């Protein structure tokens, strides 16, 4: 009996060590990819959704993503922008994240007719699939995907899985917020990657 217990405990320890190593690799990947900003010309800029405030205004994450996308549009990296994101399940006001994104873009000089809304998605995977569908309908092939630095690794994986040819341009880490928020966001992304692995 003791022998069996020791064998089981050795196995458990090895599994825990292996899992810890996988987590460390994922953390390194999330952080390192989020530090790389090499935007390239594309057919369209895709802004991934983020929550609105309880009052229906663009939240901090959505605002900084949209402002970053507006800067890229102004620099001429793409002529069109897709704002992705539907109405959150806990939203008090029935307004899509995509519409909040459009508000910020227009405030920073992007004309309304240069913006396409994707207003039905509620997850990053749905952002990717639905934006990919819009691209296919318009004949657009390459997307310049914009999101927060901690989010672009998973976003890139999901966009490529959806058949999109993508390059990413993360919002600089310095704009994300407090160091604690950044660390918690990275941890959340590693958890989300685990979930994605089993889907």
N, C-alpha and C. Protein backbone atom coordinates (compact mmCIF):
# COMPACT_ATOMS: atom_id res chain seq x y z
N UNK A 1 0.82 -1.21 0.00
CA UNK A 1 0.00 0.00 0.00
C UNK A 1 0.86 1.27 0.00
N UNK A 2 1.89 1.26 0.87
CA UNK A 2 2.78 2.41 0.90
C UNK A 2 3.50 2.61 -0.43
N UNK A 3 3.86 1.48 -1.03
CA UNK A 3 4.56 1.54 -2.32
C UNK A 3 3.66 2.19 -3.37
N UNK A 4 2.40 1.79 -3.40
CA UNK A 4 1.44 2.38 -4.34
C UNK A 4 1.30 3.87 -4.08
N UNK A 5 1.20 4.25 -2.80
CA UNK A 5 1.06 5.66 -2.44
C UNK A 5 2.26 6.46 -2.92
N UNK A 6 3.48 5.90 -2.73
CA UNK A 6 4.69 6.61 -3.17
C UNK A 6 4.71 6.79 -4.69
N UNK A 7 4.30 5.75 -5.40
CA UNK A 7 4.26 5.81 -6.87
C UNK A 7 3.28 6.89 -7.32
N UNK A 8 2.10 6.92 -6.69
CA UNK A 8 1.09 7.92 -7.03
C UNK A 8 1.60 9.32 -6.75
N UNK A 9 2.26 9.50 -5.59
CA UNK A 9 2.76 10.82 -5.22
C UNK A 9 3.87 11.28 -6.17
N UNK A 10 4.72 10.35 -6.60
CA UNK A 10 5.75 10.70 -7.57
C UNK A 10 5.12 11.16 -8.88
N UNK A 11 4.08 10.43 -9.29
CA UNK A 11 3.38 10.80 -10.53
C UNK A 11 2.74 12.18 -10.40
N UNK A 12 2.09 12.43 -9.27
CA UNK A 12 1.44 13.73 -9.04
C UNK A 12 2.47 14.85 -9.06
N UNK A 13 3.62 14.62 -8.40
CA UNK A 13 4.67 15.65 -8.38
C UNK A 13 5.16 15.96 -9.78
N UNK A 14 5.33 14.92 -10.58
CA UNK A 14 5.79 15.13 -11.96
C UNK A 14 4.77 15.91 -12.78
N UNK A 15 3.50 15.57 -12.58
CA UNK A 15 2.44 16.30 -13.29
C UNK A 15 2.43 17.77 -12.89
N UNK A 16 2.56 18.03 -11.59
CA UNK A 16 2.55 19.41 -11.10
C UNK A 16 3.74 20.19 -11.65
N UNK A 17 4.92 19.54 -11.66
CA UNK A 17 6.12 20.21 -12.19
C UNK A 17 5.95 20.49 -13.68
N UNK A 18 5.41 19.51 -14.42
CA UNK A 18 5.20 19.70 -15.86
C UNK A 18 4.21 20.82 -16.12
N UNK A 19 3.13 20.85 -15.32
CA UNK A 19 2.12 21.91 -15.48
C UNK A 19 2.71 23.28 -15.18
N UNK A 20 3.54 23.34 -14.14
CA UNK A 20 4.18 24.62 -13.78
C UNK A 20 5.09 25.09 -14.90
N UNK A 21 5.78 24.16 -15.54
CA UNK A 21 6.66 24.53 -16.66
C UNK A 21 5.84 25.03 -17.85
N UNK A 22 4.72 24.38 -18.11
CA UNK A 22 3.85 24.84 -19.20
C UNK A 22 3.33 26.24 -18.91
N UNK A 23 2.93 26.49 -17.67
CA UNK A 23 2.45 27.82 -17.29
C UNK A 23 3.54 28.87 -17.47
N UNK A 24 4.76 28.51 -17.09
CA UNK A 24 5.88 29.46 -17.23
C UNK A 24 6.12 29.79 -18.69
N UNK A 25 6.05 28.78 -19.55
CA UNK A 25 6.23 29.01 -20.99
C UNK A 25 5.12 29.90 -21.53
N UNK A 26 3.89 29.64 -21.09
CA UNK A 26 2.76 30.46 -21.56
C UNK A 26 2.88 31.91 -21.08
N UNK A 27 3.29 32.10 -19.84
CA UNK A 27 3.49 33.46 -19.33
C UNK A 27 4.54 34.18 -20.17
N UNK A 28 5.65 33.49 -20.46
CA UNK A 28 6.72 34.09 -21.26
C UNK A 28 6.21 34.45 -22.66
N UNK A 29 5.39 33.57 -23.24
CA UNK A 29 4.86 33.83 -24.58
C UNK A 29 3.92 35.03 -24.57
N UNK A 30 3.01 35.07 -23.59
CA UNK A 30 2.04 36.17 -23.50
C UNK A 30 2.77 37.50 -23.34
N UNK A 31 3.75 37.53 -22.44
CA UNK A 31 4.47 38.78 -22.16
C UNK A 31 5.32 39.20 -23.36
N UNK A 32 6.08 38.25 -23.93
CA UNK A 32 7.01 38.61 -25.01
C UNK A 32 6.28 39.05 -26.27
N UNK A 33 5.22 38.33 -26.65
CA UNK A 33 4.46 38.71 -27.85
C UNK A 33 3.81 40.07 -27.64
N UNK A 34 3.37 40.34 -26.41
CA UNK A 34 2.75 41.62 -26.11
C UNK A 34 3.70 42.80 -26.15
N UNK A 35 4.99 42.52 -26.13
CA UNK A 35 5.99 43.58 -26.19
C UNK A 35 6.39 43.92 -27.64
N UNK A 36 6.00 43.08 -28.57
CA UNK A 36 6.41 43.26 -29.96
C UNK A 36 5.35 44.06 -30.72
N UNK A 37 5.75 45.21 -31.21
CA UNK A 37 4.82 46.02 -32.01
C UNK A 37 5.49 46.36 -33.33
N UNK A 38 5.18 45.55 -34.34
CA UNK A 38 5.70 45.77 -35.68
C UNK A 38 4.53 45.80 -36.65
N UNK A 39 3.74 46.85 -36.61
CA UNK A 39 2.58 46.91 -37.52
C UNK A 39 3.01 46.90 -38.98
N UNK A 40 2.22 46.24 -39.79
CA UNK A 40 2.50 46.17 -41.22
C UNK A 40 1.24 46.52 -41.98
N UNK A 41 1.38 47.00 -43.22
CA UNK A 41 0.21 47.33 -44.02
C UNK A 41 -0.75 46.14 -44.14
N UNK A 42 -2.03 46.43 -44.05
CA UNK A 42 -3.05 45.38 -44.10
C UNK A 42 -4.28 45.91 -44.84
N UNK A 43 -5.21 45.01 -45.12
CA UNK A 43 -6.46 45.42 -45.76
C UNK A 43 -7.39 46.11 -44.76
N UNK A 44 -7.29 45.70 -43.50
CA UNK A 44 -8.20 46.22 -42.49
C UNK A 44 -7.56 46.12 -41.11
N UNK A 45 -7.90 47.07 -40.26
CA UNK A 45 -7.52 47.01 -38.84
C UNK A 45 -8.70 46.41 -38.08
N UNK A 46 -8.43 45.44 -37.23
CA UNK A 46 -9.49 44.81 -36.43
C UNK A 46 -9.25 45.16 -34.96
N UNK A 47 -10.22 45.83 -34.36
CA UNK A 47 -10.14 46.18 -32.94
C UNK A 47 -10.98 45.18 -32.16
N UNK A 48 -10.33 44.43 -31.27
CA UNK A 48 -11.06 43.43 -30.49
C UNK A 48 -11.82 44.08 -29.35
N UNK A 49 -12.99 43.54 -29.07
CA UNK A 49 -13.90 44.15 -28.12
C UNK A 49 -13.42 44.15 -26.68
N UNK A 50 -13.98 45.07 -25.92
CA UNK A 50 -13.78 45.15 -24.47
C UNK A 50 -15.01 45.85 -23.89
N UNK A 51 -15.19 45.70 -22.59
CA UNK A 51 -16.45 46.11 -21.97
C UNK A 51 -16.69 47.62 -21.99
N UNK A 52 -17.97 47.96 -22.01
CA UNK A 52 -18.41 49.33 -21.80
C UNK A 52 -18.61 49.55 -20.29
N UNK A 53 -18.72 50.80 -19.89
CA UNK A 53 -19.04 51.10 -18.50
C UNK A 53 -20.53 50.84 -18.26
N UNK A 54 -20.95 50.90 -17.00
CA UNK A 54 -22.37 50.71 -16.68
C UNK A 54 -23.24 51.77 -17.33
N UNK A 55 -22.64 52.92 -17.62
CA UNK A 55 -23.39 54.00 -18.27
C UNK A 55 -23.40 53.87 -19.79
N UNK A 56 -22.72 52.85 -20.33
CA UNK A 56 -22.70 52.63 -21.78
C UNK A 56 -21.60 53.35 -22.51
N UNK A 57 -20.67 53.96 -21.78
CA UNK A 57 -19.53 54.63 -22.41
C UNK A 57 -18.40 53.62 -22.64
N UNK A 58 -17.51 53.87 -23.60
CA UNK A 58 -16.37 52.98 -23.80
C UNK A 58 -15.53 52.89 -22.52
N UNK A 59 -15.23 51.67 -22.09
CA UNK A 59 -14.40 51.47 -20.91
C UNK A 59 -12.94 51.77 -21.22
N UNK A 60 -12.10 51.65 -20.19
CA UNK A 60 -10.68 52.00 -20.36
C UNK A 60 -10.00 51.14 -21.41
N UNK A 61 -10.24 49.82 -21.36
CA UNK A 61 -9.58 48.93 -22.32
C UNK A 61 -10.05 49.21 -23.74
N UNK A 62 -11.36 49.37 -23.92
CA UNK A 62 -11.89 49.64 -25.26
C UNK A 62 -11.39 50.99 -25.78
N UNK A 63 -11.29 51.96 -24.90
CA UNK A 63 -10.82 53.29 -25.31
C UNK A 63 -9.38 53.23 -25.78
N UNK A 64 -8.50 52.59 -25.00
CA UNK A 64 -7.09 52.57 -25.41
C UNK A 64 -6.88 51.73 -26.67
N UNK A 65 -7.63 50.65 -26.82
CA UNK A 65 -7.53 49.85 -28.05
C UNK A 65 -7.99 50.66 -29.26
N UNK A 66 -9.10 51.35 -29.10
CA UNK A 66 -9.65 52.14 -30.22
C UNK A 66 -8.75 53.32 -30.57
N UNK A 67 -8.19 53.97 -29.56
CA UNK A 67 -7.27 55.08 -29.81
C UNK A 67 -6.02 54.59 -30.53
N UNK A 68 -5.53 53.43 -30.14
CA UNK A 68 -4.35 52.85 -30.81
C UNK A 68 -4.68 52.54 -32.26
N UNK A 69 -5.86 51.99 -32.50
CA UNK A 69 -6.29 51.68 -33.87
C UNK A 69 -6.43 52.96 -34.69
N UNK A 70 -6.94 54.01 -34.08
CA UNK A 70 -7.07 55.29 -34.79
C UNK A 70 -5.71 55.82 -35.20
N UNK A 71 -4.72 55.68 -34.33
CA UNK A 71 -3.35 56.10 -34.67
C UNK A 71 -2.82 55.32 -35.86
N UNK A 72 -3.07 54.00 -35.87
CA UNK A 72 -2.60 53.17 -36.98
C UNK A 72 -3.31 53.55 -38.27
N UNK A 73 -4.62 53.83 -38.18
CA UNK A 73 -5.37 54.24 -39.37
C UNK A 73 -4.81 55.56 -39.91
N UNK A 74 -4.55 56.50 -39.02
CA UNK A 74 -4.01 57.80 -39.42
C UNK A 74 -2.65 57.66 -40.10
N UNK A 75 -1.87 56.68 -39.63
CA UNK A 75 -0.55 56.44 -40.23
C UNK A 75 -0.64 55.70 -41.56
N UNK A 76 -1.84 55.26 -41.94
CA UNK A 76 -2.03 54.65 -43.24
C UNK A 76 -1.79 53.16 -43.33
N UNK A 77 -1.83 52.47 -42.20
CA UNK A 77 -1.59 51.02 -42.24
C UNK A 77 -2.74 50.25 -42.88
N UNK A 78 -3.94 50.80 -42.85
CA UNK A 78 -5.11 50.20 -43.52
C UNK A 78 -6.16 51.28 -43.72
N UNK A 79 -7.00 51.08 -44.71
CA UNK A 79 -8.02 52.08 -45.00
C UNK A 79 -9.33 51.86 -44.28
N UNK A 80 -9.54 50.64 -43.75
CA UNK A 80 -10.79 50.31 -43.09
C UNK A 80 -10.51 49.77 -41.69
N UNK A 81 -11.53 49.87 -40.84
CA UNK A 81 -11.43 49.36 -39.47
C UNK A 81 -12.68 48.54 -39.16
N UNK A 82 -12.47 47.35 -38.61
CA UNK A 82 -13.58 46.55 -38.08
C UNK A 82 -13.56 46.69 -36.56
N UNK A 83 -14.68 47.13 -36.00
CA UNK A 83 -14.85 47.16 -34.55
C UNK A 83 -15.62 45.90 -34.15
N UNK A 84 -15.03 45.06 -33.34
CA UNK A 84 -15.66 43.80 -32.97
C UNK A 84 -16.17 43.85 -31.53
N UNK A 85 -17.32 43.26 -31.31
CA UNK A 85 -17.84 43.15 -29.95
C UNK A 85 -19.32 43.44 -29.86
N UNK A 86 -20.06 42.50 -29.29
CA UNK A 86 -21.49 42.68 -29.15
C UNK A 86 -21.88 43.31 -27.83
N UNK A 87 -23.07 42.98 -27.36
CA UNK A 87 -23.58 43.49 -26.09
C UNK A 87 -23.24 42.48 -25.00
N UNK A 88 -22.55 42.94 -23.97
CA UNK A 88 -22.12 42.04 -22.90
C UNK A 88 -23.31 41.44 -22.16
N UNK A 89 -23.15 40.23 -21.60
CA UNK A 89 -24.26 39.55 -20.93
C UNK A 89 -24.76 40.29 -19.69
N UNK A 90 -23.89 41.10 -19.07
CA UNK A 90 -24.29 41.83 -17.86
C UNK A 90 -24.49 43.31 -18.12
N UNK A 91 -24.62 43.68 -19.39
CA UNK A 91 -24.74 45.10 -19.74
C UNK A 91 -26.05 45.69 -19.25
N UNK A 92 -25.98 46.84 -18.65
CA UNK A 92 -27.17 47.56 -18.20
C UNK A 92 -27.81 48.31 -19.37
N UNK A 93 -26.95 48.80 -20.26
CA UNK A 93 -27.42 49.57 -21.40
C UNK A 93 -27.18 48.75 -22.67
N UNK A 94 -28.18 48.63 -23.50
CA UNK A 94 -28.10 47.79 -24.70
C UNK A 94 -27.33 48.49 -25.81
N UNK A 95 -26.04 48.54 -25.63
CA UNK A 95 -25.16 49.13 -26.63
C UNK A 95 -24.00 48.19 -26.87
N UNK A 96 -23.63 47.99 -28.12
CA UNK A 96 -22.55 47.04 -28.42
C UNK A 96 -21.18 47.66 -28.15
N UNK A 97 -20.23 46.80 -27.85
CA UNK A 97 -18.84 47.23 -27.70
C UNK A 97 -18.33 47.83 -29.01
N UNK A 98 -18.78 47.26 -30.13
CA UNK A 98 -18.37 47.77 -31.44
C UNK A 98 -18.81 49.22 -31.63
N UNK A 99 -20.01 49.55 -31.17
CA UNK A 99 -20.48 50.92 -31.30
C UNK A 99 -19.66 51.86 -30.42
N UNK A 100 -19.26 51.39 -29.24
CA UNK A 100 -18.38 52.19 -28.39
C UNK A 100 -17.03 52.42 -29.04
N UNK A 101 -16.52 51.40 -29.70
CA UNK A 101 -15.26 51.52 -30.44
C UNK A 101 -15.39 52.57 -31.53
N UNK A 102 -16.49 52.52 -32.27
CA UNK A 102 -16.70 53.49 -33.36
C UNK A 102 -16.71 54.92 -32.82
N UNK A 103 -17.33 55.11 -31.66
CA UNK A 103 -17.37 56.45 -31.05
C UNK A 103 -15.96 57.00 -30.84
N UNK A 104 -15.08 56.15 -30.29
CA UNK A 104 -13.71 56.60 -30.02
C UNK A 104 -12.96 56.85 -31.32
N UNK A 105 -13.12 55.95 -32.29
CA UNK A 105 -12.44 56.12 -33.57
C UNK A 105 -12.84 57.44 -34.24
N UNK A 106 -14.12 57.71 -34.26
CA UNK A 106 -14.59 58.94 -34.92
C UNK A 106 -14.11 60.18 -34.17
N UNK A 107 -14.03 60.07 -32.85
CA UNK A 107 -13.52 61.19 -32.06
C UNK A 107 -12.07 61.49 -32.41
N UNK A 108 -11.37 60.48 -32.92
CA UNK A 108 -9.95 60.64 -33.28
C UNK A 108 -9.74 60.70 -34.79
N UNK A 109 -10.79 61.06 -35.51
CA UNK A 109 -10.62 61.39 -36.91
C UNK A 109 -10.89 60.32 -37.94
N UNK A 110 -11.34 59.14 -37.52
CA UNK A 110 -11.66 58.09 -38.50
C UNK A 110 -13.09 58.30 -38.98
N UNK A 111 -13.32 58.49 -40.28
CA UNK A 111 -14.68 58.73 -40.78
C UNK A 111 -15.59 57.52 -40.57
N UNK A 112 -16.88 57.78 -40.38
CA UNK A 112 -17.86 56.72 -40.15
C UNK A 112 -17.85 55.69 -41.28
N UNK A 113 -17.68 56.15 -42.53
CA UNK A 113 -17.75 55.21 -43.66
C UNK A 113 -16.49 54.35 -43.79
N UNK A 114 -15.52 54.56 -42.93
CA UNK A 114 -14.32 53.73 -42.91
C UNK A 114 -14.40 52.65 -41.83
N UNK A 115 -15.53 52.60 -41.13
CA UNK A 115 -15.68 51.71 -39.97
C UNK A 115 -16.80 50.71 -40.23
N UNK A 116 -16.50 49.43 -39.99
CA UNK A 116 -17.49 48.35 -40.10
C UNK A 116 -17.70 47.76 -38.70
N UNK A 117 -18.94 47.59 -38.32
CA UNK A 117 -19.25 47.04 -36.99
C UNK A 117 -19.55 45.55 -37.04
N UNK A 118 -18.98 44.82 -36.11
CA UNK A 118 -19.32 43.41 -35.87
C UNK A 118 -19.92 43.40 -34.47
N UNK A 119 -21.24 43.26 -34.37
CA UNK A 119 -21.94 43.51 -33.11
C UNK A 119 -22.58 42.29 -32.47
N UNK A 120 -22.15 41.09 -32.83
CA UNK A 120 -22.81 39.91 -32.27
C UNK A 120 -21.90 39.06 -31.37
N UNK A 121 -20.61 39.28 -31.40
CA UNK A 121 -19.71 38.41 -30.65
C UNK A 121 -19.62 38.78 -29.18
N UNK A 122 -19.34 37.77 -28.35
CA UNK A 122 -19.20 37.99 -26.91
C UNK A 122 -17.89 37.46 -26.36
N UNK A 123 -17.11 36.79 -27.19
CA UNK A 123 -15.81 36.26 -26.76
C UNK A 123 -14.76 36.60 -27.80
N UNK A 124 -13.50 36.42 -27.44
CA UNK A 124 -12.42 36.68 -28.40
C UNK A 124 -12.52 35.73 -29.58
N UNK A 125 -12.86 34.48 -29.31
CA UNK A 125 -13.00 33.50 -30.40
C UNK A 125 -14.09 33.94 -31.38
N UNK A 126 -15.21 34.45 -30.85
CA UNK A 126 -16.28 34.93 -31.72
C UNK A 126 -15.87 36.21 -32.43
N UNK A 127 -15.13 37.11 -31.74
CA UNK A 127 -14.56 38.29 -32.42
C UNK A 127 -13.83 37.85 -33.67
N UNK A 128 -12.95 36.85 -33.50
CA UNK A 128 -12.10 36.39 -34.61
C UNK A 128 -12.93 35.78 -35.74
N UNK A 129 -13.84 34.88 -35.39
CA UNK A 129 -14.64 34.21 -36.42
C UNK A 129 -15.50 35.21 -37.19
N UNK A 130 -16.16 36.09 -36.46
CA UNK A 130 -17.07 37.03 -37.11
C UNK A 130 -16.33 38.08 -37.92
N UNK A 131 -15.21 38.56 -37.39
CA UNK A 131 -14.41 39.52 -38.16
C UNK A 131 -13.86 38.85 -39.41
N UNK A 132 -13.47 37.57 -39.28
CA UNK A 132 -13.00 36.82 -40.45
C UNK A 132 -14.08 36.70 -41.50
N UNK A 133 -15.33 36.52 -41.07
CA UNK A 133 -16.44 36.45 -42.01
C UNK A 133 -16.66 37.76 -42.75
N UNK A 134 -16.55 38.86 -42.02
CA UNK A 134 -16.68 40.18 -42.66
C UNK A 134 -15.57 40.38 -43.68
N UNK A 135 -14.36 40.00 -43.30
CA UNK A 135 -13.22 40.13 -44.23
C UNK A 135 -13.46 39.33 -45.50
N UNK A 136 -13.95 38.11 -45.35
CA UNK A 136 -14.19 37.27 -46.52
C UNK A 136 -15.22 37.90 -47.44
N UNK A 137 -16.27 38.47 -46.87
CA UNK A 137 -17.33 39.09 -47.68
C UNK A 137 -16.82 40.31 -48.45
N UNK A 138 -15.85 41.01 -47.89
CA UNK A 138 -15.31 42.20 -48.54
C UNK A 138 -14.07 41.90 -49.40
N UNK A 139 -13.62 40.67 -49.35
CA UNK A 139 -12.42 40.33 -50.10
C UNK A 139 -11.13 40.82 -49.45
N UNK A 140 -11.20 41.11 -48.16
CA UNK A 140 -10.00 41.53 -47.43
C UNK A 140 -9.24 40.29 -46.96
N UNK A 141 -7.93 40.32 -47.09
CA UNK A 141 -7.15 39.13 -46.75
C UNK A 141 -6.32 39.28 -45.48
N UNK A 142 -5.66 40.42 -45.32
CA UNK A 142 -4.79 40.59 -44.16
C UNK A 142 -5.38 41.57 -43.16
N UNK A 143 -5.29 41.19 -41.87
CA UNK A 143 -5.81 42.04 -40.80
C UNK A 143 -4.68 42.47 -39.87
N UNK A 144 -4.74 43.73 -39.48
CA UNK A 144 -3.86 44.25 -38.44
C UNK A 144 -4.69 44.28 -37.16
N UNK A 145 -4.45 43.33 -36.28
CA UNK A 145 -5.29 43.14 -35.09
C UNK A 145 -4.76 43.95 -33.92
N UNK A 146 -5.65 44.70 -33.30
CA UNK A 146 -5.30 45.57 -32.17
C UNK A 146 -5.98 45.08 -30.91
N UNK A 147 -5.19 44.93 -29.85
CA UNK A 147 -5.74 44.63 -28.53
C UNK A 147 -4.70 45.02 -27.49
N UNK A 148 -5.00 44.74 -26.24
CA UNK A 148 -4.03 45.02 -25.19
C UNK A 148 -2.86 44.06 -25.27
N UNK A 149 -1.73 44.48 -24.72
CA UNK A 149 -0.49 43.70 -24.83
C UNK A 149 -0.65 42.30 -24.25
N UNK A 150 -1.37 42.16 -23.15
CA UNK A 150 -1.54 40.86 -22.52
C UNK A 150 -2.50 39.95 -23.29
N UNK A 151 -3.21 40.50 -24.26
CA UNK A 151 -4.27 39.77 -24.95
C UNK A 151 -3.89 39.31 -26.35
N UNK A 152 -2.84 39.92 -26.93
CA UNK A 152 -2.59 39.69 -28.35
C UNK A 152 -2.09 38.27 -28.66
N UNK A 153 -1.42 37.62 -27.72
CA UNK A 153 -0.95 36.25 -28.00
C UNK A 153 -2.14 35.33 -28.27
N UNK A 154 -3.11 35.31 -27.35
CA UNK A 154 -4.29 34.46 -27.53
C UNK A 154 -5.10 34.93 -28.72
N UNK A 155 -5.21 36.24 -28.89
CA UNK A 155 -5.96 36.78 -30.03
C UNK A 155 -5.37 36.31 -31.35
N UNK A 156 -4.06 36.35 -31.45
CA UNK A 156 -3.40 35.91 -32.68
C UNK A 156 -3.67 34.44 -32.96
N UNK A 157 -3.59 33.62 -31.92
CA UNK A 157 -3.89 32.19 -32.07
C UNK A 157 -5.30 31.98 -32.59
N UNK A 158 -6.27 32.67 -31.98
CA UNK A 158 -7.67 32.49 -32.37
C UNK A 158 -7.96 33.04 -33.76
N UNK A 159 -7.33 34.16 -34.10
CA UNK A 159 -7.54 34.72 -35.44
C UNK A 159 -6.98 33.80 -36.52
N UNK A 160 -5.82 33.25 -36.26
CA UNK A 160 -5.24 32.32 -37.24
C UNK A 160 -6.07 31.06 -37.34
N UNK A 161 -6.61 30.61 -36.21
CA UNK A 161 -7.48 29.43 -36.24
C UNK A 161 -8.73 29.71 -37.06
N UNK A 162 -9.16 30.97 -37.06
CA UNK A 162 -10.35 31.36 -37.84
C UNK A 162 -10.01 31.59 -39.32
N UNK A 163 -8.76 31.35 -39.70
CA UNK A 163 -8.37 31.46 -41.11
C UNK A 163 -7.90 32.82 -41.54
N UNK A 164 -7.64 33.70 -40.58
CA UNK A 164 -7.22 35.05 -40.92
C UNK A 164 -5.70 35.14 -41.06
N UNK A 165 -5.25 35.93 -42.02
CA UNK A 165 -3.84 36.29 -42.14
C UNK A 165 -3.65 37.53 -41.27
N UNK A 166 -2.93 37.40 -40.16
CA UNK A 166 -2.90 38.50 -39.20
C UNK A 166 -1.48 38.95 -38.84
N UNK A 167 -1.37 40.24 -38.57
CA UNK A 167 -0.25 40.81 -37.82
C UNK A 167 -0.89 41.53 -36.64
N UNK A 168 -0.15 41.68 -35.56
CA UNK A 168 -0.73 42.31 -34.37
C UNK A 168 0.00 43.59 -34.01
N UNK A 169 -0.74 44.50 -33.39
CA UNK A 169 -0.17 45.73 -32.87
C UNK A 169 -0.75 45.95 -31.48
N UNK A 170 -0.04 45.54 -30.44
CA UNK A 170 -0.58 45.68 -29.08
C UNK A 170 -0.54 47.11 -28.58
N UNK A 171 -1.50 47.44 -27.74
CA UNK A 171 -1.43 48.70 -27.01
C UNK A 171 -0.23 48.61 -26.07
N UNK A 172 0.63 49.63 -26.02
CA UNK A 172 1.82 49.56 -25.15
C UNK A 172 1.47 49.23 -23.70
N UNK A 173 2.32 48.44 -23.06
CA UNK A 173 2.11 48.04 -21.67
C UNK A 173 1.94 49.27 -20.77
N UNK A 174 2.66 50.34 -21.07
CA UNK A 174 2.61 51.54 -20.23
C UNK A 174 1.22 52.15 -20.16
N UNK A 175 0.36 51.81 -21.13
CA UNK A 175 -1.00 52.38 -21.16
C UNK A 175 -2.04 51.46 -20.53
N UNK A 176 -1.61 50.26 -20.15
CA UNK A 176 -2.56 49.26 -19.66
C UNK A 176 -3.09 49.60 -18.26
N UNK A 177 -2.29 50.20 -17.43
CA UNK A 177 -2.74 50.51 -16.07
C UNK A 177 -1.70 50.14 -15.05
N UNK A 178 -2.14 49.80 -13.87
CA UNK A 178 -1.21 49.49 -12.78
C UNK A 178 -0.49 48.18 -13.04
N UNK A 179 0.72 48.01 -12.48
CA UNK A 179 1.45 46.75 -12.62
C UNK A 179 0.63 45.56 -12.12
N UNK A 180 -0.12 45.75 -11.04
CA UNK A 180 -0.92 44.65 -10.51
C UNK A 180 -2.00 44.23 -11.50
N UNK A 181 -2.65 45.21 -12.13
CA UNK A 181 -3.66 44.90 -13.13
C UNK A 181 -3.05 44.12 -14.30
N UNK A 182 -1.86 44.53 -14.71
CA UNK A 182 -1.19 43.85 -15.82
C UNK A 182 -0.89 42.40 -15.45
N UNK A 183 -0.34 42.19 -14.25
CA UNK A 183 0.00 40.83 -13.81
C UNK A 183 -1.26 39.98 -13.73
N UNK A 184 -2.33 40.51 -13.16
CA UNK A 184 -3.58 39.76 -13.07
C UNK A 184 -4.14 39.44 -14.45
N UNK A 185 -3.96 40.36 -15.38
CA UNK A 185 -4.45 40.15 -16.75
C UNK A 185 -3.66 39.03 -17.44
N UNK A 186 -2.35 39.00 -17.21
CA UNK A 186 -1.52 37.93 -17.78
C UNK A 186 -1.95 36.58 -17.21
N UNK A 187 -2.18 36.54 -15.89
CA UNK A 187 -2.62 35.29 -15.25
C UNK A 187 -3.96 34.84 -15.83
N UNK A 188 -4.87 35.78 -16.03
CA UNK A 188 -6.17 35.46 -16.61
C UNK A 188 -6.02 34.91 -18.03
N UNK A 189 -5.10 35.50 -18.79
CA UNK A 189 -4.87 35.01 -20.15
C UNK A 189 -4.33 33.60 -20.17
N UNK A 190 -3.43 33.28 -19.23
CA UNK A 190 -2.90 31.91 -19.15
C UNK A 190 -4.04 30.94 -18.83
N UNK A 191 -4.94 31.34 -17.93
CA UNK A 191 -6.11 30.51 -17.65
C UNK A 191 -6.98 30.33 -18.87
N UNK A 192 -7.18 31.41 -19.62
CA UNK A 192 -8.01 31.33 -20.84
C UNK A 192 -7.36 30.43 -21.89
N UNK A 193 -6.05 30.44 -21.95
CA UNK A 193 -5.34 29.57 -22.89
C UNK A 193 -5.53 28.10 -22.51
N UNK A 194 -5.57 27.81 -21.21
CA UNK A 194 -5.85 26.44 -20.76
C UNK A 194 -7.24 26.00 -21.24
N UNK A 195 -8.22 26.89 -21.07
CA UNK A 195 -9.59 26.58 -21.50
C UNK A 195 -9.63 26.35 -23.00
N UNK A 196 -8.92 27.20 -23.74
CA UNK A 196 -8.88 27.09 -25.19
C UNK A 196 -8.29 25.77 -25.63
N UNK A 197 -7.31 25.29 -24.86
CA UNK A 197 -6.63 24.04 -25.18
C UNK A 197 -7.58 22.86 -25.15
N UNK A 198 -8.57 22.90 -24.26
CA UNK A 198 -9.48 21.77 -24.09
C UNK A 198 -10.75 21.89 -24.92
N UNK A 199 -10.87 22.96 -25.70
CA UNK A 199 -12.05 23.12 -26.55
C UNK A 199 -11.84 22.47 -27.90
